[in-house]
Amino acid sequence: MTNKNRTTRSGKAGATRSGRSSEGRSEARRAEMRKTLAAILKNPLTVAGLAVIAFLLVVAALAPVLATHNPAAQNLSEALRAPGLGHLFGTDEFGRDVYSRLVYGSRITLYIICLVSVIVGPIGLIVGAVSGYLGGIVDTIMMRITDIFISFPSLVLALAFVAALGPGLEHAVIAIALTSWPSIARLARAETLSLRKADYIVAVELEGASKARVIFRHIMPMCMSSVIVRLTMNMAGIILTAAGLGFLGLGALPPAPEWGAMISSGRRYMLESWWLVAVPGAAILVVSLAFNLFGDGLRDALDPRLE
């Protein structure tokens, strides 16, 4: 009975210590999140970028409510009407309301950003972590493939992929993703090279952990903050590349209200109807700048070397 009681008490003590340890880790994570949030909110430019991104999300979510007209509805009697009370940002050559098309275009922009980030992030992280940790011939092959992609300008390479796949929004997303992952892979590889000889990685290896477990459970989580920052800063480039493909007629197909396609269709009338180019161009400028500002602030908040 005495041994049983001792075993029970030791088990309870172990469970208590484990629970306290788990609570301590949770509290440390919450404290780290509060510290990061405070660092982000301390920078006014980062807050401005975050506010624009939040506004873009609200506009995209409430597009049917905020839009005053059907973005695809044509009314030739209202064509090329200047901005006014009936049409806040004027109308295009088909009489379509530019404001409503701009509002619905925010959905296409966010769709491209989110889909490209979801594709690029995991691919770049896995390629970089595997390459950096395994080294040798695996690293050489993966990095030479990465160098091939990096050696071409992203827009030119995206044009080549879209030309092979055909125009369309989904094909544009695939083309942009294929040109965006190498920078993420390079970053993840650099982070992995600095981590693979760390004491805790060596300890895990000595305990008999497999290479896959070391990569996916211990190295990749440590690379996540840098990859997230890089993805955030890449979003401005994604927006510009998508707008460039739309401008060339290789992105979203008409009558989709994609901002680059709106500039393309309005450039023939830009001298008389300046709003056709200025309004979507300003939207691209402001949103791209917002993602850059937010990415800079996020980098400063997550990088301990900048404290």
Protein backbone atom coordinates (compact mmCIF):
# COMPACT_ATOMS: atom_id res chain seq x y z
CA MET A 1 0.00 0.00 0.00
CA THR A 2 2.85 2.35 0.90
CA ASN A 3 4.54 1.82 -2.49
CA LYS A 4 1.22 2.31 -4.25
CA ASN A 5 0.63 5.59 -2.41
CA ARG A 6 4.11 6.77 -3.26
CA THR A 7 3.62 5.89 -6.93
CA THR A 8 0.27 7.68 -6.97
CA ARG A 9 1.73 10.75 -5.32
CA SER A 10 4.71 10.83 -7.70
CA GLY A 11 2.36 10.46 -10.68
CA LYS A 12 0.22 13.31 -9.43
CA ALA A 13 3.31 15.45 -8.84
CA GLY A 14 4.53 14.71 -12.36
CA ALA A 15 1.16 15.61 -13.83
CA THR A 16 1.14 18.82 -11.79
CA ARG A 17 4.62 19.77 -13.01
CA SER A 18 3.63 18.96 -16.60
CA GLY A 19 0.51 21.10 -16.29
CA ARG A 20 2.49 23.97 -14.82
CA SER A 21 5.08 23.65 -17.59
CA SER A 22 2.34 23.74 -20.24
CA GLU A 23 0.75 26.77 -18.58
CA GLY A 24 4.14 28.45 -18.44
CA ARG A 25 4.73 27.90 -22.15
CA SER A 26 1.25 29.22 -22.98
CA GLU A 27 1.86 32.30 -20.86
CA ALA A 28 5.24 32.84 -22.54
CA ARG A 29 3.61 32.63 -25.97
CA ARG A 30 0.93 35.11 -24.94
CA ALA A 31 3.57 37.48 -23.59
CA GLU A 32 5.53 37.20 -26.84
CA MET A 33 2.39 37.94 -28.87
CA ARG A 34 1.63 40.99 -26.71
CA LYS A 35 5.21 42.20 -27.15
CA THR A 36 5.01 41.76 -30.93
CA LEU A 37 1.67 43.56 -31.12
CA ALA A 38 3.00 46.43 -29.01
CA ALA A 39 6.03 46.75 -31.31
CA ILE A 40 3.77 46.83 -34.37
CA LEU A 41 1.43 49.44 -32.90
CA LYS A 42 4.37 51.60 -31.83
CA ASN A 43 5.32 52.32 -35.44
CA PRO A 44 2.87 54.78 -37.07
CA LEU A 45 3.79 53.74 -40.61
CA THR A 46 3.10 50.09 -39.78
CA VAL A 47 -0.24 51.06 -38.24
CA ALA A 48 -1.09 53.04 -41.39
CA GLY A 49 -0.27 50.04 -43.58
CA LEU A 50 -2.29 47.73 -41.34
CA ALA A 51 -5.24 50.14 -41.44
CA VAL A 52 -5.24 50.16 -45.25
CA ILE A 53 -5.08 46.34 -45.35
CA ALA A 54 -7.93 46.09 -42.84
CA PHE A 55 -9.94 48.58 -44.90
CA LEU A 56 -9.29 46.51 -48.04
CA LEU A 57 -10.55 43.38 -46.26
CA VAL A 58 -13.72 45.18 -45.12
CA VAL A 59 -14.36 46.54 -48.62
CA ALA A 60 -13.91 43.10 -50.17
CA ALA A 61 -16.18 41.45 -47.60
CA LEU A 62 -18.92 44.07 -47.95
CA ALA A 63 -18.61 44.63 -51.72
CA PRO A 64 -22.30 43.89 -52.46
CA VAL A 65 -23.31 46.41 -49.79
CA LEU A 66 -20.79 49.14 -50.63
CA ALA A 67 -21.14 48.98 -54.43
CA THR A 68 -23.72 51.38 -55.81
CA HIS A 69 -24.10 49.65 -59.20
CA ASN A 70 -23.66 46.28 -60.81
CA PRO A 71 -19.98 46.25 -61.82
CA ALA A 72 -20.75 44.46 -65.12
CA ALA A 73 -23.91 46.39 -66.06
CA GLN A 74 -23.45 48.52 -69.18
CA ASN A 75 -25.22 51.78 -69.95
CA LEU A 76 -23.86 53.44 -73.08
CA SER A 77 -25.85 56.61 -72.45
CA GLU A 78 -23.73 57.12 -69.30
CA ALA A 79 -20.37 56.34 -70.97
CA LEU A 80 -17.29 58.32 -69.92
CA ARG A 81 -19.22 60.41 -67.41
CA ALA A 82 -16.97 62.42 -65.07
CA PRO A 83 -16.93 61.74 -61.31
CA GLY A 84 -19.99 63.14 -59.59
CA LEU A 85 -22.83 62.39 -57.24
CA GLY A 86 -24.38 59.64 -59.38
CA HIS A 87 -21.02 58.01 -60.09
CA LEU A 88 -18.44 58.72 -57.41
CA PHE A 89 -15.43 57.83 -59.60
CA GLY A 90 -17.14 58.34 -62.97
CA THR A 91 -17.95 55.71 -65.59
CA ASP A 92 -15.92 53.86 -68.22
CA GLU A 93 -16.38 53.60 -71.99
CA PHE A 94 -19.30 51.18 -71.53
CA GLY A 95 -21.05 53.26 -68.90
CA ARG A 96 -20.04 50.95 -66.05
CA ASP A 97 -19.57 52.54 -62.62
CA VAL A 98 -15.83 52.78 -61.88
CA TYR A 99 -16.37 52.93 -58.10
CA SER A 100 -18.35 49.69 -58.06
CA ARG A 101 -15.80 47.99 -60.29
CA LEU A 102 -13.02 49.17 -57.99
CA VAL A 103 -14.85 47.76 -54.95
CA TYR A 104 -15.40 44.36 -56.57
CA GLY A 105 -11.84 44.42 -57.92
CA SER A 106 -10.56 44.35 -54.33
CA ARG A 107 -11.94 40.79 -54.11
CA ILE A 108 -9.88 39.70 -57.12
CA THR A 109 -6.76 41.34 -55.67
CA LEU A 110 -7.17 39.59 -52.31
CA TYR A 111 -7.97 36.31 -54.06
CA ILE A 112 -4.69 36.48 -55.98
CA ILE A 113 -2.67 37.50 -52.91
CA CYS A 114 -4.09 34.78 -50.67
CA LEU A 115 -3.90 31.98 -53.22
CA VAL A 116 -0.34 32.80 -54.28
CA SER A 117 0.79 33.06 -50.63
CA VAL A 118 -0.83 29.72 -49.75
CA ILE A 119 0.98 28.06 -52.65
CA VAL A 120 4.33 29.83 -52.36
CA GLY A 121 4.81 29.73 -48.57
CA PRO A 122 4.79 25.93 -48.03
CA ILE A 123 6.71 25.18 -51.24
CA GLY A 124 9.47 27.67 -50.53
CA LEU A 125 9.69 26.69 -46.86
CA ILE A 126 9.92 22.95 -47.57
CA VAL A 127 12.44 23.34 -50.41
CA GLY A 128 14.65 25.69 -48.39
CA ALA A 129 14.54 23.68 -45.16
CA VAL A 130 15.21 20.34 -46.88
CA SER A 131 17.99 21.82 -48.99
CA GLY A 132 19.69 23.56 -46.07
CA TYR A 133 19.48 20.64 -43.66
CA LEU A 134 20.42 17.77 -45.96
CA GLY A 135 23.11 19.65 -47.88
CA GLY A 136 25.31 17.86 -50.39
CA ILE A 137 23.90 16.86 -53.76
CA VAL A 138 20.33 17.59 -52.65
CA ASP A 139 21.25 21.17 -51.78
CA THR A 140 23.16 21.60 -55.03
CA ILE A 141 20.31 20.36 -57.25
CA MET A 142 17.60 22.34 -55.44
CA MET A 143 19.58 25.58 -55.37
CA ARG A 144 20.53 25.33 -59.05
CA ILE A 145 16.84 24.94 -59.93
CA THR A 146 16.13 27.95 -57.70
CA ASP A 147 18.88 29.94 -59.45
CA ILE A 148 17.29 29.22 -62.83
CA PHE A 149 13.99 30.73 -61.66
CA ILE A 150 15.68 33.70 -59.99
CA SER A 151 17.79 34.51 -63.07
CA PHE A 152 14.69 35.62 -65.01
CA PRO A 153 12.73 38.78 -64.16
CA SER A 154 9.54 37.69 -62.40
CA LEU A 155 7.18 39.47 -64.80
CA VAL A 156 8.92 38.05 -67.88
CA LEU A 157 8.83 34.55 -66.43
CA ALA A 158 5.16 34.97 -65.45
CA LEU A 159 4.39 36.09 -69.01
CA ALA A 160 6.08 32.96 -70.35
CA PHE A 161 4.06 30.69 -68.06
CA VAL A 162 0.77 32.44 -68.86
CA ALA A 163 1.56 32.26 -72.56
CA ALA A 164 1.99 28.51 -72.18
CA LEU A 165 -1.06 28.00 -69.97
CA GLY A 166 -3.36 30.54 -71.62
CA PRO A 167 -4.98 33.71 -70.21
CA GLY A 168 -7.19 33.52 -67.16
CA LEU A 169 -7.19 34.34 -63.47
CA GLU A 170 -6.28 30.84 -62.25
CA HIS A 171 -3.46 30.57 -64.78
CA ALA A 172 -2.16 33.97 -63.68
CA VAL A 173 -2.13 32.77 -60.06
CA ILE A 174 -0.15 29.65 -61.04
CA ALA A 175 2.31 31.74 -63.07
CA ILE A 176 2.87 34.23 -60.24
CA ALA A 177 3.31 31.40 -57.73
CA LEU A 178 5.90 29.70 -59.94
CA THR A 179 7.94 32.91 -60.03
CA SER A 180 7.60 33.79 -56.32
CA TRP A 181 8.74 30.67 -54.43
CA PRO A 182 12.53 30.91 -55.07
CA SER A 183 13.02 33.91 -52.76
CA ILE A 184 11.18 32.09 -49.96
CA ALA A 185 13.30 28.98 -50.55
CA ARG A 186 16.52 31.01 -50.41
CA LEU A 187 15.46 32.63 -47.14
CA ALA A 188 14.41 29.32 -45.56
CA ARG A 189 17.70 27.71 -46.61
CA ALA A 190 19.73 30.54 -45.04
CA GLU A 191 17.76 30.22 -41.80
CA THR A 192 18.23 26.43 -41.81
CA LEU A 193 21.98 26.70 -42.32
CA SER A 194 22.19 28.88 -39.21
CA LEU A 195 20.02 26.47 -37.20
CA ARG A 196 21.17 22.98 -38.13
CA LYS A 197 24.26 23.10 -35.90
CA ALA A 198 22.41 24.64 -32.94
CA ASP A 199 22.67 22.79 -29.62
CA TYR A 200 19.01 21.85 -29.40
CA ILE A 201 19.03 20.43 -32.97
CA VAL A 202 22.10 18.34 -32.14
CA ALA A 203 20.40 17.13 -28.95
CA VAL A 204 17.31 16.06 -30.89
CA GLU A 205 19.49 14.20 -33.38
CA LEU A 206 21.34 12.41 -30.55
CA GLU A 207 18.00 11.27 -29.18
CA GLY A 208 17.45 9.41 -32.46
CA ALA A 209 14.99 11.72 -34.21
CA SER A 210 14.69 11.11 -37.95
CA LYS A 211 15.73 13.75 -40.46
CA ALA A 212 12.10 14.33 -41.44
CA ARG A 213 11.14 14.93 -37.81
CA VAL A 214 14.02 17.35 -37.29
CA ILE A 215 13.08 19.31 -40.42
CA PHE A 216 9.31 19.44 -39.93
CA ARG A 217 9.09 19.62 -36.13
CA HIS A 218 12.14 21.66 -35.16
CA ILE A 219 13.64 23.60 -38.08
CA MET A 220 10.61 24.70 -40.11
CA PRO A 221 8.77 26.26 -37.11
CA MET A 222 11.88 28.36 -36.40
CA CYS A 223 11.86 29.64 -39.99
CA MET A 224 8.17 30.58 -39.94
CA SER A 225 8.54 34.16 -38.67
CA SER A 226 11.06 35.08 -41.38
CA VAL A 227 8.95 33.41 -44.08
CA ILE A 228 5.78 35.23 -42.94
CA VAL A 229 7.59 38.57 -43.06
CA ARG A 230 8.95 37.78 -46.52
CA LEU A 231 5.52 36.73 -47.78
CA THR A 232 4.02 39.96 -46.48
CA MET A 233 6.63 42.03 -48.27
CA ASN A 234 6.23 39.94 -51.44
CA MET A 235 2.51 40.76 -51.57
CA ALA A 236 3.24 44.18 -53.10
CA GLY A 237 5.16 42.47 -55.90
CA ILE A 238 2.33 39.97 -56.35
CA ILE A 239 -0.16 42.83 -56.75
CA LEU A 240 2.04 44.58 -59.31
CA THR A 241 2.68 41.39 -61.29
CA ALA A 242 -1.04 40.55 -61.32
CA ALA A 243 -1.83 44.10 -62.45
CA GLY A 244 0.80 43.82 -65.19
CA LEU A 245 -0.68 40.56 -66.46
CA GLY A 246 -4.15 42.08 -66.34
CA PHE A 247 -2.92 45.14 -68.22
CA LEU A 248 -1.57 42.90 -70.98
CA GLY A 249 -4.83 40.94 -71.15
CA LEU A 250 -3.30 37.78 -69.67
CA GLY A 251 -4.90 37.93 -66.23
CA ALA A 252 -8.55 38.10 -65.29
CA LEU A 253 -10.70 38.04 -68.43
CA PRO A 254 -13.36 40.69 -69.23
CA PRO A 255 -15.72 41.76 -67.81
CA ALA A 256 -13.99 40.94 -64.49
CA PRO A 257 -13.17 44.22 -62.69
CA GLU A 258 -9.46 43.52 -62.18
CA TRP A 259 -7.50 46.73 -61.50
CA GLY A 260 -4.78 46.14 -64.11
CA ALA A 261 -7.37 45.30 -66.76
CA MET A 262 -9.27 48.49 -65.85
CA ILE A 263 -6.14 50.54 -66.53
CA SER A 264 -5.60 48.71 -69.82
CA SER A 265 -9.14 49.37 -71.07
CA GLY A 266 -9.03 53.00 -69.92
CA ARG A 267 -5.67 53.97 -71.40
CA ARG A 268 -7.25 54.78 -74.79
CA TYR A 269 -9.33 57.50 -73.15
CA MET A 270 -6.90 58.65 -70.47
CA LEU A 271 -6.32 62.13 -71.94
CA GLU A 272 -10.02 63.02 -71.88
CA SER A 273 -11.15 60.72 -69.04
CA TRP A 274 -8.27 60.69 -66.56
CA TRP A 275 -10.22 58.82 -63.86
CA LEU A 276 -10.25 55.59 -65.87
CA VAL A 277 -6.51 55.19 -65.27
CA ALA A 278 -5.95 57.31 -62.15
CA VAL A 279 -8.47 55.57 -59.86
CA PRO A 280 -7.34 51.93 -60.29
CA GLY A 281 -3.73 53.08 -60.49
CA ALA A 282 -4.06 54.87 -57.16
CA ALA A 283 -5.66 51.76 -55.65
CA ILE A 284 -2.72 49.60 -56.78
CA LEU A 285 -0.25 52.18 -55.43
CA VAL A 286 -1.91 52.54 -52.01
CA VAL A 287 -2.42 48.81 -51.42
CA SER A 288 1.12 47.90 -52.54
CA LEU A 289 2.57 50.60 -50.29
CA ALA A 290 0.43 49.39 -47.38
CA PHE A 291 1.76 45.83 -47.65
CA ASN A 292 5.34 47.13 -47.83
CA LEU A 293 4.88 49.30 -44.74
CA PHE A 294 3.23 46.48 -42.81
CA GLY A 295 5.96 44.04 -43.88
CA ASP A 296 8.69 46.41 -42.69
CA GLY A 297 7.00 46.82 -39.31
CA LEU A 298 6.42 43.08 -38.97
CA ARG A 299 10.09 42.43 -39.71
CA ASP A 300 11.18 44.92 -37.05
CA ALA A 301 8.79 43.39 -34.52
CA LEU A 302 9.80 39.76 -35.14
CA ASP A 303 13.54 40.17 -35.62
CA PRO A 304 15.29 40.21 -32.19
CA ARG A 305 18.47 41.54 -33.78
CA LEU A 306 16.73 44.86 -34.46
CA GLU A 307 15.68 45.42 -30.85
